[in-house]
Structure formats: structure tokens, C-alpha cells
Amino acid sequence: MNSEEFCVIIPTYNNGGTLPSVIEKVLQITPNIMVVNDGSTDDTDLLLERFSEIVKLSYTPNKGKGHALKVGFQQALKQGFRYAVTLDADGQHFPEELPRFLEVISQHPDAMLVGSRFLEQENMPKKNSFANRFSNFWFYVHTLQKLPDTQSGYRLYPLVHIKKMHILTNRYETELEILVKMAWRFVPVIPVPISVFYAPTGERISHFKPFHDFFRISLLNTFLTFIALLYFYPRFLIHKITN
């Protein structure tokens, strides 16, 4: 793939301990990096000063991962990129696997790619396995499609579809909203096997708020189910008949 066709968006919130290493590894593959500092209160801004070659987007206060992704998408569209790869700043994802996404998208240029983790590996939090199964179930209800990992943040987005999409949410639930709406547009959603690193208990940093974020995700699932029944299911049936 032409290196000018894609960029890497890294949303970050208080990941000063891992962010520089993630950026350095991505720079070995592409200089097209956008770090979105989502209101960090640590030394993230200071750490980013050493990377003059990347785009740095900062704002305060913290507004959520979904908002950070939307800021990154807007910048990527402004700069004319065709695709945006997103990965987390906490060191969980391996930038070295980015070429795997580029290889798959070169064969399926209109698709959205979602990293598929091995969810039974060492140090994998049990609550993550449950949350992913829960999310996978509702994704099937909303789209009639099965995916092995609907919660992975390691993804490749076709920006032409993002440009036309009205995204309602701003936090962790945004990734699910976009995924469902891609499927509703009949954009192929393809899983890409990836590795993942989970720090041992006690070293793991998570900004997920179990009650508040799960409540927002539940509200979104309710809303998407209602829309699926009224809009997507009839459209899916017509699409099957006409194709």
C-alpha cells in the first residue's frame, strides 16, 4: 500500500509511561502518526515534544476515547488519508503487526478491519472475556454478523464511510457504534488475528469505569436494537433478495 494512503491514530489519556515506546515502534513503519491527547493530566504533553515529526492534537478536559477518535478522524480526512489505523497507547497492541492490516486491506480495499485477540491468554482479565462475549452477542443481534472480537481497539477504518457517518457517542461505546453502523452500510467487516499484551495485575492501567461505561453501552445497545428492528432488518432482507 502507498504509505500516503493511511495514517495511525493513537488516542491517549494519562499513558505517559507507555506512549513514547508505542510512537517509536509505529515510526519504524510510518511517519503518518496522529496522537490525540484527550485531556491528560500527567506529563504526556512534555513527552510528545520529542516527536517533532508527528501530528499532536491536544485539548482539555478529558472528553472520552470516542471524542478523541473523532478528532483524529477529522484531521485524517483533512490531510487526505484514505484509511486510519487506530491502536491503544497503553502498550497493549503491537505496532509491529500493522503491516498485517495493510496486507489485508490491499486485498479488500473497501473493508473495515478489526483486530481479533486470543481472549484466553495469560493475564487476560476474566471481566474482559465476559465483556467481549456480551458485546459479540449484541453485535450479532444488531447486524446478523458474527465477529470473534468486537471490543478490540486495534482497527483499520475506511475514512470515506467515517466522513458520511453521524457518530452520536463520545466514550468507549463509540467503537461499537461505528462497527455496527459500518455493518449497516454493508461494509465488509473482517477480523485480523493479532497478539495482545496484558500487564500483570497491579501494573495494569484502565480508565474504564464499570458502572458508568457499562450503563452507556447498555443504553447504546438498546437504541441500536430498536433501530435494527425498524431499519436494518427490513433493509437486510431487501439486500439479500436483490443480491
C-alpha atoms as a PDB file:
ATOM      1  CA  MET A   1       0.000   0.000   0.000  1.00  0.00           C
ATOM      2  CA  ASN A   2       1.085   3.560  -0.730  1.00  0.00           C
ATOM      3  CA  SER A   3       2.329   4.991   2.578  1.00  0.00           C
ATOM      4  CA  GLU A   4       0.458   8.227   1.863  1.00  0.00           C
ATOM      5  CA  GLU A   5      -2.909   6.413   1.901  1.00  0.00           C
ATOM      6  CA  PHE A   6      -3.025   5.614   5.607  1.00  0.00           C
ATOM      7  CA  CYS A   7      -2.243   7.142   8.967  1.00  0.00           C
ATOM      8  CA  VAL A   8      -2.121   5.840  12.525  1.00  0.00           C
ATOM      9  CA  ILE A   9      -4.280   7.479  15.203  1.00  0.00           C
ATOM     10  CA  ILE A  10      -3.273   6.966  18.832  1.00  0.00           C
ATOM     11  CA  PRO A  11      -5.779   8.306  21.388  1.00  0.00           C
ATOM     12  CA  THR A  12      -4.199   8.714  24.807  1.00  0.00           C
ATOM     13  CA  TYR A  13      -5.188   9.644  28.332  1.00  0.00           C
ATOM     14  CA  ASN A  14      -2.518   9.532  31.045  1.00  0.00           C
ATOM     15  CA  ASN A  15      -0.388   6.886  29.291  1.00  0.00           C
ATOM     16  CA  GLY A  16       2.919   8.683  29.772  1.00  0.00           C
ATOM     17  CA  GLY A  17       4.691   5.501  30.824  1.00  0.00           C
ATOM     18  CA  THR A  18       3.999   3.617  27.588  1.00  0.00           C
ATOM     19  CA  LEU A  19       3.163   6.214  24.912  1.00  0.00           C
ATOM     20  CA  PRO A  20       6.740   7.094  23.793  1.00  0.00           C
ATOM     21  CA  SER A  21       7.574   3.435  23.161  1.00  0.00           C
ATOM     22  CA  VAL A  22       4.362   2.953  21.150  1.00  0.00           C
ATOM     23  CA  ILE A  23       5.143   6.012  18.999  1.00  0.00           C
ATOM     24  CA  GLU A  24       8.735   4.911  18.390  1.00  0.00           C
ATOM     25  CA  LYS A  25       7.583   1.494  17.193  1.00  0.00           C
ATOM     26  CA  VAL A  26       4.956   2.958  14.864  1.00  0.00           C
ATOM     27  CA  LEU A  27       7.563   5.373  13.442  1.00  0.00           C
ATOM     28  CA  GLN A  28       9.531   2.353  12.230  1.00  0.00           C
ATOM     29  CA  ILE A  29       6.605   1.647   9.896  1.00  0.00           C
ATOM     30  CA  THR A  30       5.163   5.065   9.018  1.00  0.00           C
ATOM     31  CA  PRO A  31       5.672   8.739   9.923  1.00  0.00           C
ATOM     32  CA  ASN A  32       1.943   9.388   9.445  1.00  0.00           C
ATOM     33  CA  ILE A  33       1.023   9.436  13.127  1.00  0.00           C
ATOM     34  CA  MET A  34      -1.604  11.483  14.943  1.00  0.00           C
ATOM     35  CA  VAL A  35      -1.572  11.398  18.734  1.00  0.00           C
ATOM     36  CA  VAL A  36      -4.775  12.743  20.272  1.00  0.00           C
ATOM     37  CA  ASN A  37      -4.111  13.816  23.855  1.00  0.00           C
ATOM     38  CA  ASP A  38      -7.540  13.502  25.454  1.00  0.00           C
ATOM     39  CA  GLY A  39      -7.035  15.903  28.372  1.00  0.00           C
ATOM     40  CA  SER A  40      -4.158  14.043  30.040  1.00  0.00           C
ATOM     41  CA  THR A  41      -3.092  15.334  33.447  1.00  0.00           C
ATOM     42  CA  ASP A  42       0.301  13.579  33.508  1.00  0.00           C
ATOM     43  CA  ASP A  43       3.431  14.562  31.525  1.00  0.00           C
ATOM     44  CA  THR A  44       2.046  13.484  28.132  1.00  0.00           C
ATOM     45  CA  ASP A  45       2.404  16.938  26.529  1.00  0.00           C
ATOM     46  CA  LEU A  46       6.040  17.145  27.647  1.00  0.00           C
ATOM     47  CA  LEU A  47       6.797  13.660  26.349  1.00  0.00           C
ATOM     48  CA  LEU A  48       5.283  14.479  22.956  1.00  0.00           C
ATOM     49  CA  GLU A  49       7.672  17.404  22.459  1.00  0.00           C
ATOM     50  CA  ARG A  50      10.444  14.991  21.464  1.00  0.00           C
ATOM     51  CA  PHE A  51       8.432  13.800  18.432  1.00  0.00           C
ATOM     52  CA  SER A  52       8.524  16.733  16.019  1.00  0.00           C
ATOM     53  CA  GLU A  53       7.575  14.591  13.012  1.00  0.00           C
ATOM     54  CA  ILE A  54       4.092  13.603  14.191  1.00  0.00           C
ATOM     55  CA  VAL A  55       0.781  15.458  14.420  1.00  0.00           C
ATOM     56  CA  LYS A  56      -0.181  16.282  18.023  1.00  0.00           C
ATOM     57  CA  LEU A  57      -3.778  17.148  18.863  1.00  0.00           C
ATOM     58  CA  SER A  58      -4.450  18.188  22.463  1.00  0.00           C
ATOM     59  CA  TYR A  59      -7.400  19.606  24.368  1.00  0.00           C
ATOM     60  CA  THR A  60      -8.818  19.771  27.884  1.00  0.00           C
ATOM     61  CA  PRO A  61     -10.666  18.479  29.773  1.00  0.00           C
ATOM     62  CA  ASN A  62     -10.863  14.740  29.124  1.00  0.00           C
ATOM     63  CA  LYS A  63     -13.822  14.012  26.813  1.00  0.00           C
ATOM     64  CA  GLY A  64     -13.545  10.274  26.222  1.00  0.00           C
ATOM     65  CA  LYS A  65     -11.963   7.864  23.763  1.00  0.00           C
ATOM     66  CA  GLY A  66     -14.779   8.244  21.255  1.00  0.00           C
ATOM     67  CA  HIS A  67     -14.299  12.006  21.115  1.00  0.00           C
ATOM     68  CA  ALA A  68     -10.542  11.527  20.689  1.00  0.00           C
ATOM     69  CA  LEU A  69     -11.140   9.165  17.773  1.00  0.00           C
ATOM     70  CA  LYS A  70     -13.477  11.667  16.099  1.00  0.00           C
ATOM     71  CA  VAL A  71     -10.844  14.412  16.449  1.00  0.00           C
ATOM     72  CA  GLY A  72      -8.288  12.086  14.851  1.00  0.00           C
ATOM     73  CA  PHE A  73     -10.638  11.107  12.030  1.00  0.00           C
ATOM     74  CA  GLN A  74     -11.365  14.760  11.233  1.00  0.00           C
ATOM     75  CA  GLN A  75      -7.652  15.512  10.993  1.00  0.00           C
ATOM     76  CA  ALA A  76      -7.011  12.421   8.871  1.00  0.00           C
ATOM     77  CA  LEU A  77      -9.762  13.434   6.441  1.00  0.00           C
ATOM     78  CA  LYS A  78      -8.406  16.979   6.331  1.00  0.00           C
ATOM     79  CA  GLN A  79      -4.996  15.619   5.335  1.00  0.00           C
ATOM     80  CA  GLY A  80      -6.490  13.421   2.626  1.00  0.00           C
ATOM     81  CA  PHE A  81      -5.814   9.948   4.017  1.00  0.00           C
ATOM     82  CA  ARG A  82      -7.882   7.034   2.758  1.00  0.00           C
ATOM     83  CA  TYR A  83      -7.548   4.832   5.843  1.00  0.00           C
ATOM     84  CA  ALA A  84      -6.884   5.327   9.536  1.00  0.00           C
ATOM     85  CA  VAL A  85      -5.442   2.628  11.777  1.00  0.00           C
ATOM     86  CA  THR A  86      -6.204   3.049  15.479  1.00  0.00           C
ATOM     87  CA  LEU A  87      -4.273   1.451  18.314  1.00  0.00           C
ATOM     88  CA  ASP A  88      -4.103   1.998  22.052  1.00  0.00           C
ATOM     89  CA  ALA A  89      -1.388   3.982  23.821  1.00  0.00           C
ATOM     90  CA  ASP A  90      -1.057   1.635  26.797  1.00  0.00           C
ATOM     91  CA  GLY A  91       1.273  -0.840  25.082  1.00  0.00           C
ATOM     92  CA  GLN A  92      -1.414  -3.489  24.771  1.00  0.00           C
ATOM     93  CA  HIS A  93      -1.168  -3.586  20.968  1.00  0.00           C
ATOM     94  CA  PHE A  94       1.912  -4.454  18.920  1.00  0.00           C
ATOM     95  CA  PRO A  95       2.664  -1.819  16.240  1.00  0.00           C
ATOM     96  CA  GLU A  96       4.819  -4.440  14.522  1.00  0.00           C
ATOM     97  CA  GLU A  97       1.585  -6.128  13.400  1.00  0.00           C
ATOM     98  CA  LEU A  98       0.395  -3.068  11.482  1.00  0.00           C
ATOM     99  CA  PRO A  99       1.672  -4.477   8.130  1.00  0.00           C
ATOM    100  CA  ARG A 100      -0.771  -7.353   8.621  1.00  0.00           C
ATOM    101  CA  PHE A 101      -3.656  -4.868   8.408  1.00  0.00           C
ATOM    102  CA  LEU A 102      -2.148  -3.241   5.322  1.00  0.00           C
ATOM    103  CA  GLU A 103      -1.804  -6.609   3.599  1.00  0.00           C
ATOM    104  CA  VAL A 104      -5.456  -7.498   4.249  1.00  0.00           C
ATOM    105  CA  ILE A 105      -6.787  -4.087   3.181  1.00  0.00           C
ATOM    106  CA  SER A 106      -4.823  -4.296  -0.070  1.00  0.00           C
ATOM    107  CA  GLN A 107      -6.872  -7.413  -0.860  1.00  0.00           C
ATOM    108  CA  HIS A 108     -10.178  -5.950   0.448  1.00  0.00           C
ATOM    109  CA  PRO A 109      -9.900  -2.191  -0.191  1.00  0.00           C
ATOM    110  CA  ASP A 110     -13.479  -1.339   0.846  1.00  0.00           C
ATOM    111  CA  ALA A 111     -13.476  -3.234   4.142  1.00  0.00           C
ATOM    112  CA  MET A 112     -13.173  -2.319   7.800  1.00  0.00           C
ATOM    113  CA  LEU A 113     -10.649  -4.427   9.706  1.00  0.00           C
ATOM    114  CA  VAL A 114     -10.894  -5.337  13.382  1.00  0.00           C
ATOM    115  CA  GLY A 115      -8.048  -6.890  15.361  1.00  0.00           C
ATOM    116  CA  SER A 116      -9.043 -10.260  16.791  1.00  0.00           C
ATOM    117  CA  ARG A 117      -7.347 -11.104  20.087  1.00  0.00           C
ATOM    118  CA  PHE A 118      -6.792 -14.523  21.641  1.00  0.00           C
ATOM    119  CA  LEU A 119      -9.024 -13.975  24.657  1.00  0.00           C
ATOM    120  CA  GLU A 120      -7.865 -16.909  26.799  1.00  0.00           C
ATOM    121  CA  GLN A 121      -4.219 -15.940  27.087  1.00  0.00           C
ATOM    122  CA  GLU A 122      -2.138 -15.333  30.213  1.00  0.00           C
ATOM    123  CA  ASN A 123      -3.085 -12.264  32.306  1.00  0.00           C
ATOM    124  CA  MET A 124      -6.289 -11.777  30.329  1.00  0.00           C
ATOM    125  CA  PRO A 125      -8.771 -10.283  32.845  1.00  0.00           C
ATOM    126  CA  LYS A 126     -11.830 -12.523  33.208  1.00  0.00           C
ATOM    127  CA  LYS A 127     -14.115  -9.494  33.072  1.00  0.00           C
ATOM    128  CA  ASN A 128     -12.677  -8.692  29.620  1.00  0.00           C
ATOM    129  CA  SER A 129     -13.618 -12.138  28.296  1.00  0.00           C
ATOM    130  CA  PHE A 130     -17.171 -11.761  29.608  1.00  0.00           C
ATOM    131  CA  ALA A 131     -17.490  -8.209  28.263  1.00  0.00           C
ATOM    132  CA  ASN A 132     -16.327  -9.311  24.837  1.00  0.00           C
ATOM    133  CA  ARG A 133     -18.760 -12.230  24.670  1.00  0.00           C
ATOM    134  CA  PHE A 134     -21.515  -9.854  25.772  1.00  0.00           C
ATOM    135  CA  SER A 135     -20.539  -7.347  23.073  1.00  0.00           C
ATOM    136  CA  ASN A 136     -20.229 -10.050  20.405  1.00  0.00           C
ATOM    137  CA  PHE A 137     -23.764 -11.241  21.174  1.00  0.00           C
ATOM    138  CA  TRP A 138     -25.278  -7.780  20.807  1.00  0.00           C
ATOM    139  CA  PHE A 139     -23.283  -7.091  17.646  1.00  0.00           C
ATOM    140  CA  TYR A 140     -24.896 -10.184  16.127  1.00  0.00           C
ATOM    141  CA  VAL A 141     -28.353  -9.012  17.239  1.00  0.00           C
ATOM    142  CA  HIS A 142     -27.750  -5.615  15.629  1.00  0.00           C
ATOM    143  CA  THR A 143     -26.156  -6.803  12.376  1.00  0.00           C
ATOM    144  CA  LEU A 144     -26.785 -10.569  11.920  1.00  0.00           C
ATOM    145  CA  GLN A 145     -22.996 -10.922  11.614  1.00  0.00           C
ATOM    146  CA  LYS A 146     -20.573 -12.792  13.854  1.00  0.00           C
ATOM    147  CA  LEU A 147     -17.204 -11.369  14.903  1.00  0.00           C
ATOM    148  CA  PRO A 148     -14.758 -13.037  17.308  1.00  0.00           C
ATOM    149  CA  ASP A 149     -13.704  -9.759  18.954  1.00  0.00           C
ATOM    150  CA  THR A 150     -15.905  -6.672  18.765  1.00  0.00           C
ATOM    151  CA  GLN A 151     -14.076  -4.777  21.516  1.00  0.00           C
ATOM    152  CA  SER A 152     -10.572  -4.609  20.099  1.00  0.00           C
ATOM    153  CA  GLY A 153      -9.291  -1.060  19.609  1.00  0.00           C
ATOM    154  CA  TYR A 154      -6.725  -2.153  17.010  1.00  0.00           C
ATOM    155  CA  ARG A 155      -8.638  -1.377  13.814  1.00  0.00           C
ATOM    156  CA  LEU A 156      -8.413  -0.052  10.287  1.00  0.00           C
ATOM    157  CA  TYR A 157     -11.184   2.342   9.268  1.00  0.00           C
ATOM    158  CA  PRO A 158     -12.089   3.274   5.660  1.00  0.00           C
ATOM    159  CA  LEU A 159     -12.435   7.030   6.082  1.00  0.00           C
ATOM    160  CA  VAL A 160     -14.842   7.503   3.177  1.00  0.00           C
ATOM    161  CA  HIS A 161     -17.527   5.875   5.334  1.00  0.00           C
ATOM    162  CA  ILE A 162     -16.496   7.720   8.503  1.00  0.00           C
ATOM    163  CA  LYS A 163     -16.906  11.010   6.626  1.00  0.00           C
ATOM    164  CA  LYS A 164     -20.577  10.224   5.915  1.00  0.00           C
ATOM    165  CA  MET A 165     -21.353   8.838   9.374  1.00  0.00           C
ATOM    166  CA  HIS A 166     -23.067  10.765  12.159  1.00  0.00           C
ATOM    167  CA  ILE A 167     -21.493   9.421  15.368  1.00  0.00           C
ATOM    168  CA  LEU A 168     -23.637  10.024  18.444  1.00  0.00           C
ATOM    169  CA  THR A 169     -21.401   8.792  21.270  1.00  0.00           C
ATOM    170  CA  ASN A 170     -18.146  10.066  22.780  1.00  0.00           C
ATOM    171  CA  ARG A 171     -16.647   7.426  25.047  1.00  0.00           C
ATOM    172  CA  TYR A 172     -15.856   3.697  24.988  1.00  0.00           C
ATOM    173  CA  GLU A 173     -19.165   2.859  23.332  1.00  0.00           C
ATOM    174  CA  THR A 174     -18.174   4.827  20.199  1.00  0.00           C
ATOM    175  CA  GLU A 175     -16.155   1.931  18.780  1.00  0.00           C
ATOM    176  CA  LEU A 176     -19.218  -0.324  18.984  1.00  0.00           C
ATOM    177  CA  GLU A 177     -21.437   2.326  17.397  1.00  0.00           C
ATOM    178  CA  ILE A 178     -19.092   2.737  14.429  1.00  0.00           C
ATOM    179  CA  LEU A 179     -18.721  -1.015  13.995  1.00  0.00           C
ATOM    180  CA  VAL A 180     -22.491  -1.552  13.870  1.00  0.00           C
ATOM    181  CA  LYS A 181     -23.053   1.359  11.504  1.00  0.00           C
ATOM    182  CA  MET A 182     -20.357   0.038   9.158  1.00  0.00           C
ATOM    183  CA  ALA A 183     -22.195  -3.290   9.009  1.00  0.00           C
ATOM    184  CA  TRP A 184     -25.480  -1.472   8.401  1.00  0.00           C
ATOM    185  CA  ARG A 185     -23.855   0.157   5.375  1.00  0.00           C
ATOM    186  CA  PHE A 186     -22.885  -3.348   4.150  1.00  0.00           C
ATOM    187  CA  VAL A 187     -19.204  -2.503   4.528  1.00  0.00           C
ATOM    188  CA  PRO A 188     -17.337  -5.830   4.905  1.00  0.00           C
ATOM    189  CA  VAL A 189     -16.061  -6.177   8.474  1.00  0.00           C
ATOM    190  CA  ILE A 190     -13.055  -8.514   8.535  1.00  0.00           C
ATOM    191  CA  PRO A 191     -11.257  -9.841  11.646  1.00  0.00           C
ATOM    192  CA  VAL A 192      -7.454  -9.767  11.611  1.00  0.00           C
ATOM    193  CA  PRO A 193      -5.660 -12.049  14.122  1.00  0.00           C
ATOM    194  CA  ILE A 194      -3.460 -10.035  16.487  1.00  0.00           C
ATOM    195  CA  SER A 195      -1.390 -10.574  19.606  1.00  0.00           C
ATOM    196  CA  VAL A 196      -2.012  -8.544  22.734  1.00  0.00           C
ATOM    197  CA  PHE A 197      -0.050  -7.773  25.886  1.00  0.00           C
ATOM    198  CA  TYR A 198      -1.751  -7.613  29.265  1.00  0.00           C
ATOM    199  CA  ALA A 199       0.358  -6.288  32.100  1.00  0.00           C
ATOM    200  CA  PRO A 200       0.235  -8.300  35.328  1.00  0.00           C
ATOM    201  CA  THR A 201      -2.407  -7.365  37.884  1.00  0.00           C
ATOM    202  CA  GLY A 202      -1.266  -4.271  39.757  1.00  0.00           C
ATOM    203  CA  GLU A 203       0.601  -2.843  36.781  1.00  0.00           C
ATOM    204  CA  ARG A 204      -2.431  -2.598  34.521  1.00  0.00           C
ATOM    205  CA  ILE A 205      -3.867   0.891  33.907  1.00  0.00           C
ATOM    206  CA  SER A 206      -7.504   1.103  32.892  1.00  0.00           C
ATOM    207  CA  HIS A 207      -9.735   4.150  32.584  1.00  0.00           C
ATOM    208  CA  PHE A 208     -12.870   2.064  32.091  1.00  0.00           C
ATOM    209  CA  LYS A 209     -15.492   2.937  34.716  1.00  0.00           C
ATOM    210  CA  PRO A 210     -17.521  -0.262  35.182  1.00  0.00           C
ATOM    211  CA  PHE A 211     -20.820   1.282  36.227  1.00  0.00           C
ATOM    212  CA  HIS A 212     -20.906   4.456  34.119  1.00  0.00           C
ATOM    213  CA  ASP A 213     -19.388   2.983  30.958  1.00  0.00           C
ATOM    214  CA  PHE A 214     -21.412  -0.240  31.113  1.00  0.00           C
ATOM    215  CA  PHE A 215     -24.558   1.831  31.584  1.00  0.00           C
ATOM    216  CA  ARG A 216     -23.757   3.912  28.485  1.00  0.00           C
ATOM    217  CA  ILE A 217     -23.001   0.765  26.480  1.00  0.00           C
ATOM    218  CA  SER A 218     -26.312  -0.757  27.603  1.00  0.00           C
ATOM    219  CA  LEU A 219     -28.190   2.353  26.514  1.00  0.00           C
ATOM    220  CA  LEU A 220     -26.476   2.209  23.138  1.00  0.00           C
ATOM    221  CA  ASN A 221     -27.325  -1.489  22.741  1.00  0.00           C
ATOM    222  CA  THR A 222     -30.986  -0.734  23.484  1.00  0.00           C
ATOM    223  CA  PHE A 223     -31.039   2.091  20.957  1.00  0.00           C
ATOM    224  CA  LEU A 224     -29.254   0.058  18.273  1.00  0.00           C
ATOM    225  CA  THR A 225     -31.597  -2.895  18.770  1.00  0.00           C
ATOM    226  CA  PHE A 226     -34.608  -0.636  18.266  1.00  0.00           C
ATOM    227  CA  ILE A 227     -33.101   0.844  15.079  1.00  0.00           C
ATOM    228  CA  ALA A 228     -32.079  -2.596  13.817  1.00  0.00           C
ATOM    229  CA  LEU A 229     -35.653  -3.859  14.101  1.00  0.00           C
ATOM    230  CA  LEU A 230     -37.144  -0.835  12.364  1.00  0.00           C
ATOM    231  CA  TYR A 231     -34.432  -0.078   9.807  1.00  0.00           C
ATOM    232  CA  PHE A 232     -31.691  -2.652   9.349  1.00  0.00           C
ATOM    233  CA  TYR A 233     -33.620  -5.932   9.334  1.00  0.00           C
ATOM    234  CA  PRO A 234     -36.012  -4.850   6.551  1.00  0.00           C
ATOM    235  CA  ARG A 235     -33.087  -3.354   4.603  1.00  0.00           C
ATOM    236  CA  PHE A 236     -31.041  -6.527   5.122  1.00  0.00           C
ATOM    237  CA  LEU A 237     -33.906  -8.639   3.752  1.00  0.00           C
ATOM    238  CA  ILE A 238     -34.232  -6.431   0.659  1.00  0.00           C
ATOM    239  CA  HIS A 239     -30.457  -6.533   0.162  1.00  0.00           C
ATOM    240  CA  LYS A 240     -30.476 -10.350   0.309  1.00  0.00           C
ATOM    241  CA  ILE A 241     -33.332 -10.609  -2.160  1.00  0.00           C
ATOM    242  CA  THR A 242     -31.889  -8.148  -4.664  1.00  0.00           C
ATOM    243  CA  ASN A 243     -28.386  -9.644  -4.488  1.00  0.00           C
END
